[in-house]
N, C-alpha and C. Protein backbone atom coordinates (compact mmCIF):
# COMPACT_ATOMS: atom_id res chain seq x y z
N MET A 1 138.00 122.93 166.41
CA MET A 1 138.40 123.83 167.35
C MET A 1 137.47 124.17 168.92
N SER A 2 138.35 124.06 169.97
CA SER A 2 138.10 123.71 171.60
C SER A 2 137.47 124.85 171.87
N ARG A 3 136.95 124.91 172.63
CA ARG A 3 136.10 126.13 173.51
C ARG A 3 136.62 127.20 173.13
N SER A 4 137.88 126.92 173.53
CA SER A 4 139.21 128.12 174.60
C SER A 4 139.94 128.88 173.20
N CYS A 5 139.37 127.91 171.85
CA CYS A 5 140.20 128.44 170.44
C CYS A 5 138.74 129.96 169.37
N GLN A 6 137.15 129.43 169.76
CA GLN A 6 135.95 129.45 170.10
C GLN A 6 136.32 131.51 169.56
N PRO A 7 136.25 132.21 168.34
CA PRO A 7 135.73 133.84 169.08
C PRO A 7 134.56 133.96 169.51
N SER A 8 135.13 135.01 170.31
CA SER A 8 133.79 135.10 171.53
C SER A 8 133.22 137.03 170.26
N VAL A 9 131.73 136.89 170.64
CA VAL A 9 130.62 137.88 169.99
C VAL A 9 130.41 138.54 170.84
N ARG A 10 130.14 139.35 171.51
CA ARG A 10 129.50 140.32 172.48
C ARG A 10 128.37 140.18 171.67
N VAL A 11 126.71 140.41 172.75
CA VAL A 11 125.05 140.73 171.78
C VAL A 11 125.37 142.10 171.86
N GLU A 12 126.08 143.36 172.81
CA GLU A 12 126.10 144.48 172.49
C GLU A 12 127.15 145.03 171.14
N ASP A 13 128.19 143.95 171.01
CA ASP A 13 128.79 144.43 169.71
C ASP A 13 127.80 144.32 168.61
N ASN A 14 127.38 142.85 168.27
CA ASN A 14 126.58 143.08 167.66
C ASN A 14 125.61 143.99 166.94
N PHE A 15 124.82 144.58 168.11
CA PHE A 15 123.55 145.52 168.12
C PHE A 15 124.78 146.87 167.99
N SER A 16 125.91 147.43 167.89
CA SER A 16 126.10 148.33 168.19
C SER A 16 126.10 148.17 166.79
N LEU A 17 127.19 147.52 166.19
CA LEU A 17 127.37 147.57 164.65
C LEU A 17 126.20 147.50 163.38
N ARG A 18 125.38 147.07 164.16
CA ARG A 18 123.28 146.94 163.46
C ARG A 18 123.24 148.83 163.33
N GLN A 19 123.22 149.18 165.11
CA GLN A 19 123.06 150.35 164.93
C GLN A 19 123.93 151.54 163.37
N HIS A 20 125.27 151.13 164.05
CA HIS A 20 126.36 151.77 163.40
C HIS A 20 125.69 151.62 161.62
N ARG A 21 125.21 150.21 160.76
CA ARG A 21 124.83 149.92 159.67
C ARG A 21 124.03 150.65 159.44
N SER A 22 122.89 151.05 160.28
CA SER A 22 121.50 151.47 160.10
C SER A 22 121.42 153.54 159.73
N VAL A 23 122.49 153.61 160.88
CA VAL A 23 122.76 155.15 160.55
C VAL A 23 123.25 155.90 159.60
N TYR A 24 124.41 154.83 159.23
CA TYR A 24 125.10 154.73 157.56
C TYR A 24 124.21 154.99 156.47
N ALA A 25 123.18 153.98 156.34
CA ALA A 25 122.11 153.69 155.21
C ALA A 25 121.42 154.59 155.41
N GLN A 26 121.37 155.53 156.60
CA GLN A 26 119.98 156.70 156.22
C GLN A 26 120.85 157.70 155.93
N THR A 27 122.12 157.92 155.90
CA THR A 27 122.89 159.41 155.23
C THR A 27 123.03 159.04 154.24
N MET A 28 123.04 157.33 153.23
CA MET A 28 123.33 157.16 152.12
C MET A 28 121.71 157.52 151.60
N LEU A 29 120.68 157.61 152.10
CA LEU A 29 119.40 157.44 151.22
C LEU A 29 119.32 158.60 150.35
N LYS A 30 119.19 158.86 149.02
CA LYS A 30 118.94 159.72 148.61
C LYS A 30 118.44 159.47 147.61
N ALA A 31 117.17 161.17 147.59
CA ALA A 31 116.07 160.87 145.94
C ALA A 31 116.49 160.52 144.80
N VAL A 32 115.72 160.06 144.22
CA VAL A 32 115.94 159.00 142.82
C VAL A 32 116.37 160.16 142.08
N LYS A 33 117.35 160.26 141.48
CA LYS A 33 117.21 161.32 140.23
C LYS A 33 115.88 161.10 138.91
N SER A 34 116.19 162.69 138.11
CA SER A 34 114.72 163.52 138.16
C SER A 34 114.86 163.08 136.48
N GLU A 35 116.15 163.11 135.81
CA GLU A 35 116.80 163.04 134.23
C GLU A 35 115.89 162.96 133.70
N GLU A 36 115.55 163.58 132.28
CA GLU A 36 114.29 162.77 131.24
C GLU A 36 115.41 162.25 130.33
N LEU A 37 115.53 160.92 129.99
CA LEU A 37 116.59 160.38 129.41
C LEU A 37 115.59 159.84 128.48
N THR A 38 115.98 159.59 126.75
CA THR A 38 115.58 158.61 125.97
C THR A 38 116.03 157.34 125.48
N ALA A 39 115.42 156.69 125.63
CA ALA A 39 115.70 155.01 125.37
C ALA A 39 114.86 154.87 124.45
N THR A 40 114.78 155.51 123.25
CA THR A 40 114.07 155.18 122.28
C THR A 40 115.24 154.18 121.07
N GLY A 41 114.64 152.92 120.92
CA GLY A 41 115.55 151.95 119.73
C GLY A 41 116.48 151.35 120.80
N LEU A 42 116.50 151.33 121.98
CA LEU A 42 117.04 150.53 123.14
C LEU A 42 116.51 149.29 124.29
N ARG A 43 117.16 148.48 124.17
CA ARG A 43 116.38 147.18 124.58
C ARG A 43 116.92 146.91 125.87
N PHE A 44 116.36 146.80 126.84
CA PHE A 44 117.30 146.55 128.24
C PHE A 44 116.71 145.35 128.82
N GLY A 45 117.34 144.26 129.36
CA GLY A 45 117.16 143.15 130.55
C GLY A 45 116.61 143.89 131.47
N ILE A 46 116.12 142.93 132.22
CA ILE A 46 115.66 143.10 133.81
C ILE A 46 115.72 141.53 134.17
N VAL A 47 117.12 141.15 135.04
CA VAL A 47 116.60 139.80 136.36
C VAL A 47 116.29 140.15 137.27
N ALA A 48 115.27 139.65 138.13
CA ALA A 48 114.20 140.40 139.38
C ALA A 48 114.47 138.84 140.32
N SER A 49 114.41 139.02 141.38
CA SER A 49 114.42 138.09 142.20
C SER A 49 113.12 137.87 142.72
N LYS A 50 112.82 136.38 142.54
CA LYS A 50 110.78 136.28 143.69
C LYS A 50 111.37 136.36 144.91
N TYR A 51 112.28 135.97 145.36
CA TYR A 51 112.29 136.15 147.15
C TYR A 51 112.36 137.70 147.87
N ASN A 52 111.31 138.05 148.57
CA ASN A 52 110.77 139.17 149.49
C ASN A 52 110.50 139.96 148.28
N ALA A 53 109.66 139.09 147.26
CA ALA A 53 108.99 139.45 146.06
C ALA A 53 107.58 141.09 146.65
N ARG A 54 107.33 141.12 147.97
CA ARG A 54 106.56 142.77 147.37
C ARG A 54 107.73 143.70 147.52
N TYR A 55 108.87 143.62 148.05
CA TYR A 55 109.90 144.95 148.00
C TYR A 55 110.27 144.59 146.20
N VAL A 56 111.11 143.49 145.57
CA VAL A 56 111.39 143.45 144.43
C VAL A 56 110.33 143.77 143.63
N ASP A 57 109.41 143.29 143.18
CA ASP A 57 108.09 143.61 142.53
C ASP A 57 107.81 145.01 142.33
N ALA A 58 108.14 146.00 143.17
CA ALA A 58 107.95 147.25 143.12
C ALA A 58 108.96 147.87 142.23
N MET A 59 110.27 147.02 143.00
CA MET A 59 111.68 148.01 141.74
C MET A 59 110.92 147.70 139.80
N LEU A 60 111.26 146.49 140.70
CA LEU A 60 110.30 145.98 138.70
C LEU A 60 109.48 146.53 137.93
N ALA A 61 108.42 146.95 139.20
CA ALA A 61 107.42 147.88 138.03
C ALA A 61 107.90 149.27 137.90
N ALA A 62 108.69 150.02 139.14
CA ALA A 62 109.00 151.00 138.68
C ALA A 62 110.18 151.06 137.36
N ALA A 63 110.49 150.32 137.39
CA ALA A 63 112.11 150.19 136.51
C ALA A 63 111.24 149.95 135.00
N GLN A 64 110.58 148.99 134.91
CA GLN A 64 109.54 149.15 133.68
C GLN A 64 108.95 150.34 132.80
N LYS A 65 108.09 150.87 133.80
CA LYS A 65 107.62 151.87 134.00
C LYS A 65 108.71 153.33 133.60
N THR A 66 109.72 153.53 134.06
CA THR A 66 110.47 154.09 133.70
C THR A 66 110.67 153.92 132.29
N LEU A 67 111.90 152.16 132.15
CA LEU A 67 112.17 152.59 130.98
C LEU A 67 111.23 153.10 129.78
N THR A 68 109.98 151.95 129.62
CA THR A 68 108.91 152.08 128.78
C THR A 68 108.90 153.78 128.33
N GLU A 69 108.35 154.44 129.58
CA GLU A 69 107.76 156.09 129.18
C GLU A 69 109.30 156.20 128.52
N ALA A 70 110.83 156.00 128.63
CA ALA A 70 111.24 156.65 127.92
C ALA A 70 111.89 156.13 126.26
N GLY A 71 110.74 155.05 126.24
CA GLY A 71 110.60 154.65 124.84
C GLY A 71 111.53 153.28 124.83
N GLY A 72 111.81 152.49 125.59
CA GLY A 72 112.74 151.61 125.44
C GLY A 72 111.61 150.98 125.54
N ALA A 73 112.67 149.19 125.18
CA ALA A 73 111.78 148.12 125.35
C ALA A 73 112.55 147.21 126.51
N VAL A 74 111.94 146.09 127.27
CA VAL A 74 111.92 145.82 128.76
C VAL A 74 111.65 144.11 128.46
N GLU A 75 112.66 143.51 128.55
CA GLU A 75 112.34 141.61 128.63
C GLU A 75 112.81 141.87 130.00
N VAL A 76 111.95 140.25 131.29
CA VAL A 76 111.89 140.34 132.31
C VAL A 76 112.43 138.96 132.34
N TRP A 77 113.29 138.61 133.58
CA TRP A 77 114.07 137.41 133.39
C TRP A 77 113.40 137.35 135.62
N ARG A 78 112.38 135.84 135.68
CA ARG A 78 111.80 136.44 137.18
C ARG A 78 113.40 134.94 137.92
N VAL A 79 113.61 134.84 138.48
CA VAL A 79 114.84 133.54 139.11
C VAL A 79 114.61 133.64 140.64
N PRO A 80 114.44 132.13 141.63
CA PRO A 80 114.12 132.59 142.54
C PRO A 80 114.54 133.33 143.57
N GLY A 81 115.80 133.35 143.85
CA GLY A 81 116.72 134.24 144.83
C GLY A 81 117.74 134.94 143.93
N ALA A 82 118.07 135.62 144.82
CA ALA A 82 119.07 136.85 144.47
C ALA A 82 120.90 135.96 144.12
N PHE A 83 120.85 134.75 144.51
CA PHE A 83 121.73 133.77 144.35
C PHE A 83 121.63 133.67 143.25
N GLU A 84 120.72 133.06 142.10
CA GLU A 84 120.67 132.81 140.79
C GLU A 84 120.16 133.89 139.86
N ILE A 85 120.63 135.38 140.60
CA ILE A 85 120.48 136.22 139.23
C ILE A 85 121.73 135.89 138.35
N PRO A 86 123.44 136.48 138.87
CA PRO A 86 124.27 136.58 138.15
C PRO A 86 124.50 135.61 137.10
N VAL A 87 123.67 134.27 137.09
CA VAL A 87 123.76 133.71 135.71
C VAL A 87 123.20 133.82 134.95
N VAL A 88 121.83 134.07 135.00
CA VAL A 88 121.00 134.59 134.18
C VAL A 88 121.20 136.18 134.01
N ALA A 89 122.27 137.22 134.40
CA ALA A 89 122.67 138.36 134.17
C ALA A 89 123.79 137.35 132.65
N ALA A 90 124.67 136.57 132.86
CA ALA A 90 125.62 136.27 132.56
C ALA A 90 125.28 135.84 131.02
N THR A 91 124.01 134.98 130.57
CA THR A 91 123.82 134.80 129.48
C THR A 91 123.60 135.52 128.68
N LEU A 92 122.73 136.25 129.55
CA LEU A 92 122.15 137.66 128.72
C LEU A 92 123.01 138.65 128.28
N ALA A 93 124.18 138.92 128.74
CA ALA A 93 125.49 139.64 128.05
C ALA A 93 125.74 138.94 127.02
N GLN A 94 125.61 137.82 126.59
CA GLN A 94 126.41 137.21 125.59
C GLN A 94 125.09 136.92 124.49
N LYS A 95 124.55 137.88 124.75
CA LYS A 95 123.03 137.57 123.78
C LYS A 95 123.81 138.08 122.58
N ALA A 96 123.26 137.45 121.28
CA ALA A 96 124.19 138.40 119.88
C ALA A 96 123.45 138.46 119.38
N ASP A 97 121.77 137.90 119.13
CA ASP A 97 120.53 138.12 118.02
C ASP A 97 120.34 139.27 118.81
N GLU A 98 119.66 139.31 119.73
CA GLU A 98 119.19 140.69 120.47
C GLU A 98 119.92 141.20 121.10
N PRO A 99 120.81 141.90 121.41
CA PRO A 99 121.79 142.18 121.99
C PRO A 99 120.70 143.27 122.81
N LEU A 100 121.08 143.32 124.53
CA LEU A 100 120.89 144.45 125.45
C LEU A 100 122.18 145.87 125.84
N ALA A 101 121.08 146.77 125.43
CA ALA A 101 121.88 147.95 125.78
C ALA A 101 122.38 148.06 126.99
N ALA A 102 121.63 147.47 128.13
CA ALA A 102 122.43 147.23 129.40
C ALA A 102 121.17 145.96 130.29
N ILE A 103 121.72 145.38 131.17
CA ILE A 103 120.96 144.13 132.41
C ILE A 103 121.35 145.10 133.50
N ILE A 104 119.72 145.17 134.00
CA ILE A 104 119.43 145.24 135.23
C ILE A 104 119.22 144.69 136.10
N CYS A 105 119.71 143.88 137.61
CA CYS A 105 119.47 143.23 138.23
C CYS A 105 119.28 143.68 139.41
N LEU A 106 117.61 143.44 140.08
CA LEU A 106 117.05 143.87 141.51
C LEU A 106 116.72 142.31 142.50
N GLY A 107 117.11 143.06 143.61
CA GLY A 107 117.33 141.71 144.26
C GLY A 107 116.80 142.45 145.89
N VAL A 108 116.52 142.11 146.75
CA VAL A 108 116.62 142.56 148.21
C VAL A 108 116.73 141.10 149.25
N ILE A 109 117.89 141.79 149.82
CA ILE A 109 118.57 140.06 151.08
C ILE A 109 118.34 141.43 152.68
N LEU A 110 117.73 140.59 153.18
CA LEU A 110 117.37 141.16 154.88
C LEU A 110 118.20 140.14 155.68
N ARG A 111 119.19 140.71 156.64
CA ARG A 111 119.79 140.14 157.42
C ARG A 111 119.27 139.52 158.52
N GLY A 112 119.99 138.28 158.83
CA GLY A 112 119.56 138.18 159.61
C GLY A 112 120.31 138.05 161.15
N ALA A 113 120.20 136.58 161.61
CA ALA A 113 120.38 136.52 162.60
C ALA A 113 122.19 135.70 162.01
N THR A 114 122.36 134.99 161.41
CA THR A 114 123.81 134.74 160.59
C THR A 114 124.01 135.84 159.96
N ALA A 115 125.68 135.12 159.34
CA ALA A 115 126.34 136.11 157.92
C ALA A 115 125.89 135.55 156.42
N HIS A 116 124.28 134.76 156.94
CA HIS A 116 124.41 133.88 155.67
C HIS A 116 123.97 135.09 154.55
N ALA A 117 123.15 136.03 154.83
CA ALA A 117 122.71 137.41 154.42
C ALA A 117 124.26 138.16 153.27
N GLN A 118 124.89 137.75 154.60
CA GLN A 118 126.70 139.05 153.97
C GLN A 118 126.98 138.04 152.99
N HIS A 119 127.08 137.00 152.98
CA HIS A 119 127.78 136.15 151.83
C HIS A 119 126.93 136.14 150.47
N ILE A 120 125.97 136.02 150.31
CA ILE A 120 125.08 136.58 149.08
C ILE A 120 125.14 137.28 148.96
N GLY A 121 124.88 138.73 149.73
CA GLY A 121 125.40 139.95 148.87
C GLY A 121 126.83 140.20 148.60
N GLU A 122 127.90 139.38 149.05
CA GLU A 122 129.67 139.76 148.76
C GLU A 122 129.35 138.59 146.88
N THR A 123 129.12 137.53 147.06
CA THR A 123 128.86 137.08 145.89
C THR A 123 128.05 137.62 144.66
N VAL A 124 127.05 137.93 144.99
CA VAL A 124 126.04 138.07 144.07
C VAL A 124 126.77 140.16 143.52
N SER A 125 127.23 140.84 144.55
CA SER A 125 128.04 142.01 144.08
C SER A 125 129.48 141.56 143.46
N TYR A 126 130.33 140.43 143.47
CA TYR A 126 131.59 139.87 142.78
C TYR A 126 130.60 139.68 141.02
N ALA A 127 130.30 138.67 141.51
CA ALA A 127 130.04 137.73 140.05
C ALA A 127 129.54 139.89 139.12
N LEU A 128 128.42 140.46 139.41
CA LEU A 128 127.91 140.64 138.60
C LEU A 128 128.94 141.88 137.96
N ALA A 129 130.02 142.69 139.13
CA ALA A 129 131.13 143.31 138.42
C ALA A 129 131.97 142.99 137.20
N ARG A 130 132.38 141.16 137.83
CA ARG A 130 132.79 140.74 137.21
C ARG A 130 132.49 139.97 135.58
N ILE A 131 130.26 140.52 135.53
CA ILE A 131 129.85 139.69 134.45
C ILE A 131 129.87 141.63 133.51
N GLN A 132 130.17 142.21 133.98
CA GLN A 132 130.22 143.53 133.61
C GLN A 132 131.11 144.24 132.49
N VAL A 133 132.23 143.34 133.24
CA VAL A 133 134.14 143.72 132.08
C VAL A 133 134.11 142.63 131.74
N LYS A 134 133.72 141.14 132.09
CA LYS A 134 134.04 141.03 130.50
C LYS A 134 133.48 140.86 129.44
N HIS A 135 132.07 141.25 129.86
CA HIS A 135 131.62 141.02 128.45
C HIS A 135 131.43 143.33 127.98
N GLY A 136 131.49 144.04 128.06
CA GLY A 136 131.82 145.39 128.14
C GLY A 136 130.18 145.01 128.21
N LYS A 137 129.03 144.36 128.81
CA LYS A 137 127.74 144.96 129.34
C LYS A 137 127.61 145.85 130.58
N PRO A 138 127.05 147.31 130.70
CA PRO A 138 126.20 147.67 131.74
C PRO A 138 125.65 146.97 132.58
N VAL A 139 126.11 146.43 133.83
CA VAL A 139 124.92 145.67 134.98
C VAL A 139 125.00 146.48 135.87
N ILE A 140 123.45 147.24 135.81
CA ILE A 140 122.90 148.01 137.05
C ILE A 140 122.82 146.86 138.45
N HIS A 141 123.47 147.05 139.41
CA HIS A 141 123.67 146.37 140.59
C HIS A 141 122.68 146.71 141.42
N GLU A 142 120.82 146.41 141.61
CA GLU A 142 119.78 146.50 142.87
C GLU A 142 120.37 145.74 143.27
N VAL A 143 120.61 145.01 143.26
CA VAL A 143 120.71 143.91 144.35
C VAL A 143 121.09 144.03 146.23
N LEU A 144 119.69 144.54 147.08
CA LEU A 144 120.37 145.04 147.89
C LEU A 144 120.69 144.45 149.14
N LEU A 145 121.00 144.96 149.87
CA LEU A 145 121.89 143.86 151.16
C LEU A 145 121.31 144.91 152.05
N LEU A 146 120.40 144.82 152.64
CA LEU A 146 119.25 146.00 153.75
C LEU A 146 119.31 144.99 155.10
N GLU A 147 119.00 145.52 156.66
CA GLU A 147 119.21 145.78 157.69
C GLU A 147 118.00 144.94 158.11
N ASN A 148 117.04 145.71 157.97
CA ASN A 148 115.38 145.65 158.31
C ASN A 148 114.08 145.69 157.17
N GLU A 149 112.95 145.71 157.17
CA GLU A 149 112.17 145.73 156.72
C GLU A 149 112.08 147.30 156.52
N ALA A 150 111.93 147.60 157.37
CA ALA A 150 111.97 149.25 157.55
C ALA A 150 113.03 150.67 155.64
N GLN A 151 114.46 150.04 156.36
CA GLN A 151 115.11 149.86 155.06
C GLN A 151 114.57 149.95 153.49
N ALA A 152 113.76 148.33 153.64
CA ALA A 152 113.43 147.93 152.05
C ALA A 152 111.97 148.43 151.70
N LYS A 153 111.30 149.07 153.00
CA LYS A 153 110.04 149.86 152.44
C LYS A 153 110.86 151.32 151.54
N ALA A 154 111.90 152.14 152.91
CA ALA A 154 112.30 153.63 151.57
C ALA A 154 112.57 153.30 150.72
N ARG A 155 113.31 152.30 150.30
CA ARG A 155 114.05 152.16 148.68
C ARG A 155 112.97 151.12 148.13
N CYS A 156 111.92 150.79 148.51
CA CYS A 156 111.85 150.20 147.18
C CYS A 156 109.99 150.47 147.29
N LEU A 157 109.24 150.96 148.15
CA LEU A 157 107.48 150.87 147.40
C LEU A 157 107.85 152.52 147.38
N GLY A 158 108.46 153.17 148.00
CA GLY A 158 108.50 155.18 147.60
C GLY A 158 108.81 155.19 146.19
N ALA A 159 108.18 156.22 145.94
CA ALA A 159 108.97 156.57 144.84
C ALA A 159 109.79 157.31 144.74
N LYS A 160 109.96 158.48 146.34
CA LYS A 160 111.04 159.54 145.98
C LYS A 160 112.29 158.95 146.01
N HIS A 161 112.33 157.14 146.65
CA HIS A 161 113.59 156.31 147.08
C HIS A 161 113.70 155.24 145.83
N ASN A 162 112.48 154.77 145.09
CA ASN A 162 112.58 153.73 144.06
C ASN A 162 113.78 153.93 143.77
N ARG A 163 114.45 152.41 143.69
CA ARG A 163 115.66 152.18 143.51
C ARG A 163 115.57 151.26 142.07
N GLY A 164 114.16 150.64 142.28
CA GLY A 164 114.58 150.38 140.59
C GLY A 164 113.95 150.96 139.73
N ARG A 165 113.15 152.59 140.03
CA ARG A 165 113.10 154.00 138.79
C ARG A 165 115.14 154.14 138.60
N GLU A 166 115.60 153.79 139.93
CA GLU A 166 117.24 154.85 139.81
C GLU A 166 117.83 153.77 138.90
N ALA A 167 117.47 152.54 139.42
CA ALA A 167 118.54 151.62 138.20
C ALA A 167 118.23 151.96 136.36
N ALA A 168 116.84 151.90 136.75
CA ALA A 168 116.39 152.38 135.32
C ALA A 168 117.03 153.60 134.51
N LEU A 169 117.48 154.32 135.23
CA LEU A 169 117.77 156.13 135.04
C LEU A 169 119.17 155.73 134.33
N THR A 170 119.87 154.78 135.62
CA THR A 170 121.49 154.30 135.26
C THR A 170 122.07 153.71 133.87
N ALA A 171 120.11 152.73 133.81
CA ALA A 171 120.92 151.70 133.05
C ALA A 171 120.43 152.80 130.88
N ILE A 172 120.19 153.74 131.31
CA ILE A 172 119.13 154.05 129.83
C ILE A 172 120.78 155.11 129.89
N GLU A 173 121.26 155.80 131.28
CA GLU A 173 122.08 156.76 130.84
C GLU A 173 123.71 155.43 130.28
N MET A 174 124.31 154.63 131.04
CA MET A 174 125.10 153.94 130.50
C MET A 174 125.20 153.53 129.09
N ALA A 175 123.80 153.39 128.65
CA ALA A 175 123.68 152.86 127.26
C ALA A 175 124.14 153.85 126.14
N HIS A 176 123.60 155.37 126.39
CA HIS A 176 124.08 156.10 126.00
C HIS A 176 126.07 156.26 126.24
N VAL A 177 126.17 155.99 127.36
CA VAL A 177 127.77 156.09 127.18
C VAL A 177 128.52 154.36 125.87
N MET A 178 127.87 153.95 126.04
CA MET A 178 128.67 152.63 126.09
C MET A 178 128.51 152.88 124.08
N LYS A 179 127.04 153.45 123.67
CA LYS A 179 126.73 153.73 122.21
C LYS A 179 127.72 154.27 121.76
N ARG A 180 128.26 155.94 122.68
CA ARG A 180 129.34 156.44 122.26
C ARG A 180 130.67 155.75 121.46
N PHE A 181 130.56 155.08 122.50
CA PHE A 181 131.87 154.11 122.54
C PHE A 181 132.02 153.69 121.34
N ALA A 182 130.98 153.06 120.91
CA ALA A 182 130.65 152.22 119.51
C ALA A 182 130.60 152.86 118.33
N ASP A 183 129.95 154.29 118.74
CA ASP A 183 130.30 155.41 117.33
C ASP A 183 131.22 155.53 116.78
N GLU A 184 132.29 155.55 118.18
CA GLU A 184 133.12 156.25 118.20
C GLU A 184 134.58 155.01 116.87
N GLU A 185 133.54 153.99 117.28
CA GLU A 185 134.81 152.55 117.04
C GLU A 185 134.19 152.50 115.55
N GLU A 186 132.68 152.15 115.51
CA GLU A 186 132.44 152.69 113.88
C GLU A 186 133.04 153.85 112.69
N ALA A 187 133.31 155.10 113.61
CA ALA A 187 134.03 155.80 113.12
C ALA A 187 135.19 155.62 112.44
N LYS A 188 136.16 155.33 113.39
CA LYS A 188 137.63 155.08 113.35
C LYS A 188 137.43 153.16 111.73
N ARG A 189 136.52 152.61 111.82
CA ARG A 189 136.48 152.15 110.76
C ARG A 189 135.95 152.35 109.85
N ARG A 190 134.59 153.33 109.46
CA ARG A 190 134.71 154.23 108.51
C ARG A 190 136.06 154.91 107.72
N ALA A 191 136.20 155.55 108.78
CA ALA A 191 138.05 156.22 108.11
C ALA A 191 138.45 155.54 107.21
N TRP A 192 138.43 154.00 107.79
CA TRP A 192 139.80 153.39 107.72
C TRP A 192 139.40 152.74 106.77
N TRP A 193 138.37 152.82 106.02
CA TRP A 193 138.31 151.88 104.69
C TRP A 193 138.16 152.82 103.76
N ALA A 194 137.65 154.78 103.90
CA ALA A 194 137.74 155.19 103.12
C ALA A 194 139.52 155.42 102.90
N ARG A 195 140.08 155.35 103.50
CA ARG A 195 141.45 155.67 103.23
C ARG A 195 141.98 154.45 102.02
N VAL A 196 141.44 153.29 102.57
CA VAL A 196 141.18 151.96 101.66
C VAL A 196 141.16 152.34 100.47
N GLU A 197 140.27 152.83 100.54
CA GLU A 197 138.76 153.45 99.00
C GLU A 197 139.83 154.27 98.35
N ALA A 198 140.09 155.37 98.64
CA ALA A 198 140.94 156.54 97.95
C ALA A 198 142.67 155.62 97.60
N ARG A 199 143.31 155.00 98.64
CA ARG A 199 144.74 155.06 98.17
C ARG A 199 144.22 153.65 96.57
N ARG A 200 143.10 152.94 96.92
CA ARG A 200 142.59 152.16 95.39
C ARG A 200 142.43 152.29 94.33
N LYS A 201 141.88 153.45 94.17
CA LYS A 201 141.39 154.66 93.62
C LYS A 201 142.85 155.75 92.87
N ALA A 202 143.77 156.03 93.37
CA ALA A 202 144.91 156.56 93.34
C ALA A 202 145.42 155.85 92.57
N ILE A 203 145.81 154.34 92.90
CA ILE A 203 146.78 153.46 91.71
C ILE A 203 146.23 152.96 91.12
N HIS A 204 145.13 152.87 91.01
CA HIS A 204 144.16 152.65 89.50
C HIS A 204 144.14 153.95 88.85
N HIS A 205 144.37 155.23 89.08
CA HIS A 205 144.88 156.24 87.87
C HIS A 205 146.35 156.44 87.80
N GLU A 206 147.17 156.02 88.08
CA GLU A 206 148.13 155.73 88.48
C GLU A 206 149.08 154.97 87.16
């Protein structure tokens, strides 16, 4: 590409964009829900990145605490970075021997001077969405793409806005939603077999 064809990006434009993202992020920051949900008899998987460990570890601890206090069982897998999360989540979504009620994905991606972080964030988001739709398994997406460490501290280190706890509460709620679907299908199956058995008895007595 010749110099005359290269796109021109002004430093002030980039700064303005970052300011806009920061303001938008602050308006979207909400306190964690405080509903008391039960997870008794449910198993959950957590896939957590080792990168930016200070923030991810805090989310992981909050998620584990929330799930266990609600009566759930938790299995944890650690991966090097956010990009490695989807392959493990996909493997867990296919577990048949000990199926999980939901899978929680935790990671922190901080923007830098290049678009690399944006590419990683978009790729992970797309992959996690495909996994949950393909396998019918709730995948809770808390792989955070953030502007700076101030945002990471607000969302990962505090109790008021901890995204690990929020992810756990969402996982429990989605587990109940999916169980309702499963119960409805089981009820239909039982009703069908009941009709078959009634028909068989009717034929036997004719």
